[in-house]
């Protein structure tokens, strides 16, 4: 069912579309998350909703309980973040005019966006379409930011497998550029890339699906 739309509108106005945890302005890149997850008996009342940016939302849900690193966001803390920020926005709104409005979707959301582009690359099977490299910038960013390290094993392993396959394919594509087209080595490499791309379609789609489901964004 989800939160009531009219109540969400009031809540977003109260927090000025800023994340209740990091306080960044989000614009449309904001989500209302459950303070107590529905699978833990949380309900859809607006008192159980907290507006958060993509990055904080990902960190709230991305924590690996089996191999904990850092400190997990708990419902009591999330509730305090929400209450304190709403009070601040209500009592001192003039200070928001001086605050930065710079936005950032966060490493995990950016990783999903990159995977969606790479899904397009993987869908190119024809010889004349080969040559586009898979993007890995957001994967490297996620590694550097420690965003992947906190994830549960199945999500983390799916991401690592997908990018291993994509990076390996990139190496073959780079080698293809240095071969004369039509020569035997070129044909072997091109066939290899075609086969890898076909296989990567399912791998990438599966990884995106796992991430969206885990972050509560089923399509």
Protein backbone atom coordinates (compact mmCIF):
# COMPACT_ATOMS: atom_id res chain seq x y z
CA UNK A 1 0.00 0.00 0.00
CA UNK A 2 2.72 2.50 0.98
CA UNK A 3 2.56 5.87 2.68
CA UNK A 4 -0.40 8.13 1.91
CA UNK A 5 0.53 10.54 -0.86
CA UNK A 6 -0.94 13.63 0.81
CA UNK A 7 0.90 12.89 4.06
CA UNK A 8 4.18 12.39 2.19
CA UNK A 9 3.70 15.78 0.52
CA UNK A 10 3.38 17.45 3.92
CA UNK A 11 6.45 15.62 5.23
CA UNK A 12 8.57 16.59 2.21
CA UNK A 13 7.54 20.22 2.65
CA UNK A 14 8.41 20.06 6.35
CA UNK A 15 11.95 18.83 5.64
CA UNK A 16 12.32 21.15 2.61
CA UNK A 17 13.20 18.10 0.48
CA UNK A 18 16.43 17.68 2.41
CA UNK A 19 17.65 14.33 3.69
CA UNK A 20 16.90 13.90 7.40
CA UNK A 21 20.29 12.24 7.93
CA UNK A 22 22.89 14.14 5.89
CA UNK A 23 20.71 17.25 5.34
CA UNK A 24 21.62 17.64 1.68
CA UNK A 25 19.04 19.16 -0.66
CA UNK A 26 17.69 16.34 -2.82
CA UNK A 27 15.10 17.83 -5.14
CA UNK A 28 13.41 14.88 -6.84
CA UNK A 29 16.20 12.56 -5.70
CA UNK A 30 14.58 11.89 -2.32
CA UNK A 31 12.75 8.86 -0.97
CA UNK A 32 10.52 8.12 1.99
CA UNK A 33 11.88 5.06 3.73
CA UNK A 34 10.37 2.98 6.52
CA UNK A 35 12.00 3.68 9.88
CA UNK A 36 10.94 0.23 11.03
CA UNK A 37 11.00 -2.03 7.92
CA UNK A 38 7.74 -3.66 6.91
CA UNK A 39 9.35 -7.09 7.21
CA UNK A 40 9.99 -6.22 10.87
CA UNK A 41 6.35 -5.28 11.51
CA UNK A 42 6.73 -1.64 10.47
CA UNK A 43 3.58 -0.01 9.12
CA UNK A 44 2.77 2.58 6.45
CA UNK A 45 1.84 5.35 8.88
CA UNK A 46 3.60 8.65 8.17
CA UNK A 47 5.16 8.50 11.64
CA UNK A 48 7.16 5.53 10.35
CA UNK A 49 8.42 7.45 7.31
CA UNK A 50 11.74 9.26 7.02
CA UNK A 51 12.79 11.31 3.97
CA UNK A 52 16.31 10.36 2.88
CA UNK A 53 18.59 10.87 -0.11
CA UNK A 54 19.53 7.95 -2.36
CA UNK A 55 22.91 7.53 -0.68
CA UNK A 56 21.63 7.43 2.90
CA UNK A 57 18.78 5.16 1.82
CA UNK A 58 21.33 2.77 0.34
CA UNK A 59 23.42 2.81 3.52
CA UNK A 60 20.39 2.16 5.72
CA UNK A 61 19.50 -0.95 3.73
CA UNK A 62 22.98 -1.97 2.64
CA UNK A 63 24.40 -2.92 6.01
CA UNK A 64 25.69 -6.47 6.26
CA UNK A 65 24.53 -7.91 9.59
CA UNK A 66 26.52 -11.13 9.13
CA UNK A 67 29.83 -9.33 8.74
CA UNK A 68 29.25 -5.95 10.42
CA UNK A 69 31.53 -3.01 9.74
CA UNK A 70 30.85 0.38 11.25
CA UNK A 71 27.52 1.00 12.96
CA UNK A 72 24.13 0.10 11.57
CA UNK A 73 21.28 2.64 11.40
CA UNK A 74 18.70 1.53 13.98
CA UNK A 75 15.03 2.63 14.03
CA UNK A 76 15.42 4.69 17.22
CA UNK A 77 18.29 6.66 15.69
CA UNK A 78 16.41 7.20 12.42
CA UNK A 79 13.40 8.47 14.34
CA UNK A 80 15.62 10.95 16.22
CA UNK A 81 17.22 12.15 12.98
CA UNK A 82 13.78 12.82 11.55
CA UNK A 83 12.44 14.57 14.65
CA UNK A 84 15.52 16.77 15.10
CA UNK A 85 15.63 17.79 11.45
CA UNK A 86 11.92 18.62 11.26
CA UNK A 87 12.30 20.78 14.39
CA UNK A 88 15.28 22.56 12.84
CA UNK A 89 13.43 23.16 9.56
CA UNK A 90 10.41 24.49 11.43
CA UNK A 91 12.19 26.74 13.91
CA UNK A 92 15.18 27.95 11.84
CA UNK A 93 14.20 27.78 8.15
CA UNK A 94 16.18 30.94 7.36
CA UNK A 95 19.42 29.00 7.80
CA UNK A 96 18.47 26.74 4.90
CA UNK A 97 18.89 29.69 2.55
CA UNK A 98 22.61 29.69 3.33
CA UNK A 99 23.05 25.93 3.07
CA UNK A 100 24.47 24.24 -0.01
CA UNK A 101 21.99 22.82 -2.51
CA UNK A 102 24.56 20.57 -4.17
CA UNK A 103 23.09 17.14 -4.82
CA UNK A 104 24.62 13.72 -5.27
CA UNK A 105 22.75 10.50 -5.87
CA UNK A 106 25.33 8.51 -3.93
CA UNK A 107 27.59 5.65 -5.02
CA UNK A 108 25.07 2.79 -5.03
CA UNK A 109 22.40 4.65 -6.99
CA UNK A 110 25.12 5.84 -9.40
CA UNK A 111 26.22 2.22 -9.70
CA UNK A 112 22.69 1.19 -10.70
CA UNK A 113 22.64 3.95 -13.31
CA UNK A 114 25.98 2.76 -14.66
CA UNK A 115 24.77 -0.84 -14.80
CA UNK A 116 21.73 0.28 -16.77
CA UNK A 117 24.01 1.90 -19.35
CA UNK A 118 26.15 -1.22 -19.41
CA UNK A 119 23.02 -3.27 -20.08
CA UNK A 120 22.65 -1.31 -23.31
CA UNK A 121 26.28 -2.05 -24.20
CA UNK A 122 25.74 -5.75 -23.51
CA UNK A 123 22.78 -5.78 -25.89
CA UNK A 124 25.00 -5.03 -28.88
CA UNK A 125 25.64 -8.35 -30.62
CA UNK A 126 26.19 -7.41 -34.24
CA UNK A 127 29.76 -7.18 -35.56
CA UNK A 128 29.30 -3.58 -36.67
CA UNK A 129 28.07 -2.62 -33.17
CA UNK A 130 31.08 -3.96 -31.28
CA UNK A 131 33.66 -1.63 -29.80
CA UNK A 132 31.91 0.29 -27.02
CA UNK A 133 33.57 -0.23 -23.66
CA UNK A 134 31.68 -0.98 -20.46
CA UNK A 135 31.74 1.90 -18.00
CA UNK A 136 33.37 1.20 -14.63
CA UNK A 137 33.78 4.69 -13.14
CA UNK A 138 30.97 4.31 -10.61
CA UNK A 139 32.16 0.84 -9.64
CA UNK A 140 35.58 2.29 -8.82
CA UNK A 141 33.90 5.11 -6.91
CA UNK A 142 31.85 2.62 -4.88
CA UNK A 143 34.99 0.67 -4.02
CA UNK A 144 36.82 3.83 -2.95
CA UNK A 145 33.84 5.03 -0.89
CA UNK A 146 33.49 1.66 0.85
CA UNK A 147 29.89 1.38 -0.37
CA UNK A 148 30.27 -2.20 -1.61
CA UNK A 149 32.08 -3.42 1.50
CA UNK A 150 28.99 -2.95 3.71
CA UNK A 151 26.62 -4.89 1.43
CA UNK A 152 25.26 -8.36 2.08
CA UNK A 153 27.25 -11.13 0.40
CA UNK A 154 24.77 -11.98 -2.36
CA UNK A 155 24.47 -8.37 -3.54
CA UNK A 156 28.20 -7.72 -3.21
CA UNK A 157 29.14 -10.93 -5.03
CA UNK A 158 26.70 -10.22 -7.88
CA UNK A 159 28.21 -6.76 -8.39
CA UNK A 160 31.79 -8.05 -8.27
CA UNK A 161 31.01 -10.86 -10.73
CA UNK A 162 29.30 -8.50 -13.17
CA UNK A 163 32.17 -6.03 -13.16
CA UNK A 164 34.78 -8.77 -13.41
CA UNK A 165 33.06 -10.00 -16.57
CA UNK A 166 32.69 -6.48 -17.95
CA UNK A 167 36.28 -5.50 -17.24
CA UNK A 168 37.54 -8.69 -18.85
CA UNK A 169 35.41 -7.93 -21.91
CA UNK A 170 36.84 -4.39 -21.99
CA UNK A 171 40.34 -5.88 -22.24
CA UNK A 172 39.30 -7.96 -25.24
CA UNK A 173 37.63 -4.95 -26.89
CA UNK A 174 40.80 -2.89 -26.38
CA UNK A 175 42.87 -5.66 -27.97
CA UNK A 176 40.40 -5.87 -30.87
CA UNK A 177 41.13 -2.26 -31.80
CA UNK A 178 44.76 -3.19 -32.55
CA UNK A 179 43.93 -6.06 -34.89
CA UNK A 180 43.31 -5.66 -38.64
CA UNK A 181 39.58 -6.16 -39.27
CA UNK A 182 38.80 -9.44 -40.97
CA UNK A 183 42.02 -11.17 -39.96
CA UNK A 184 41.72 -14.43 -38.02
CA UNK A 185 42.68 -12.95 -34.59
CA UNK A 186 40.11 -10.17 -35.14
CA UNK A 187 37.37 -12.66 -35.95
CA UNK A 188 38.17 -14.80 -32.91
CA UNK A 189 38.11 -11.76 -30.60
CA UNK A 190 34.91 -10.41 -32.14
CA UNK A 191 33.13 -13.74 -31.68
CA UNK A 192 34.37 -13.86 -28.09
CA UNK A 193 33.01 -10.36 -27.40
CA UNK A 194 29.66 -11.27 -28.95
CA UNK A 195 29.35 -14.35 -26.74
CA UNK A 196 30.41 -12.43 -23.64
CA UNK A 197 27.94 -9.62 -24.35
CA UNK A 198 25.10 -12.08 -24.73
CA UNK A 199 25.99 -13.69 -21.42
CA UNK A 200 26.41 -10.32 -19.72
CA UNK A 201 22.85 -9.24 -20.55
CA UNK A 202 21.48 -11.73 -18.02
CA UNK A 203 24.25 -11.08 -15.49
CA UNK A 204 23.72 -7.32 -15.54
CA UNK A 205 19.92 -7.56 -15.48
CA UNK A 206 20.11 -9.93 -12.53
CA UNK A 207 22.47 -7.61 -10.65
CA UNK A 208 20.27 -4.57 -11.25
CA UNK A 209 17.22 -6.55 -10.14
CA UNK A 210 18.91 -7.66 -6.93
CA UNK A 211 20.01 -4.13 -6.09
CA UNK A 212 16.62 -2.57 -6.81
CA UNK A 213 14.82 -5.20 -4.75
CA UNK A 214 17.26 -4.85 -1.88
CA UNK A 215 16.90 -1.07 -1.85
CA UNK A 216 13.13 -1.32 -2.06
CA UNK A 217 12.87 -0.03 -5.63
CA UNK A 218 11.28 -2.91 -7.50
CA UNK A 219 10.33 -1.89 -11.00
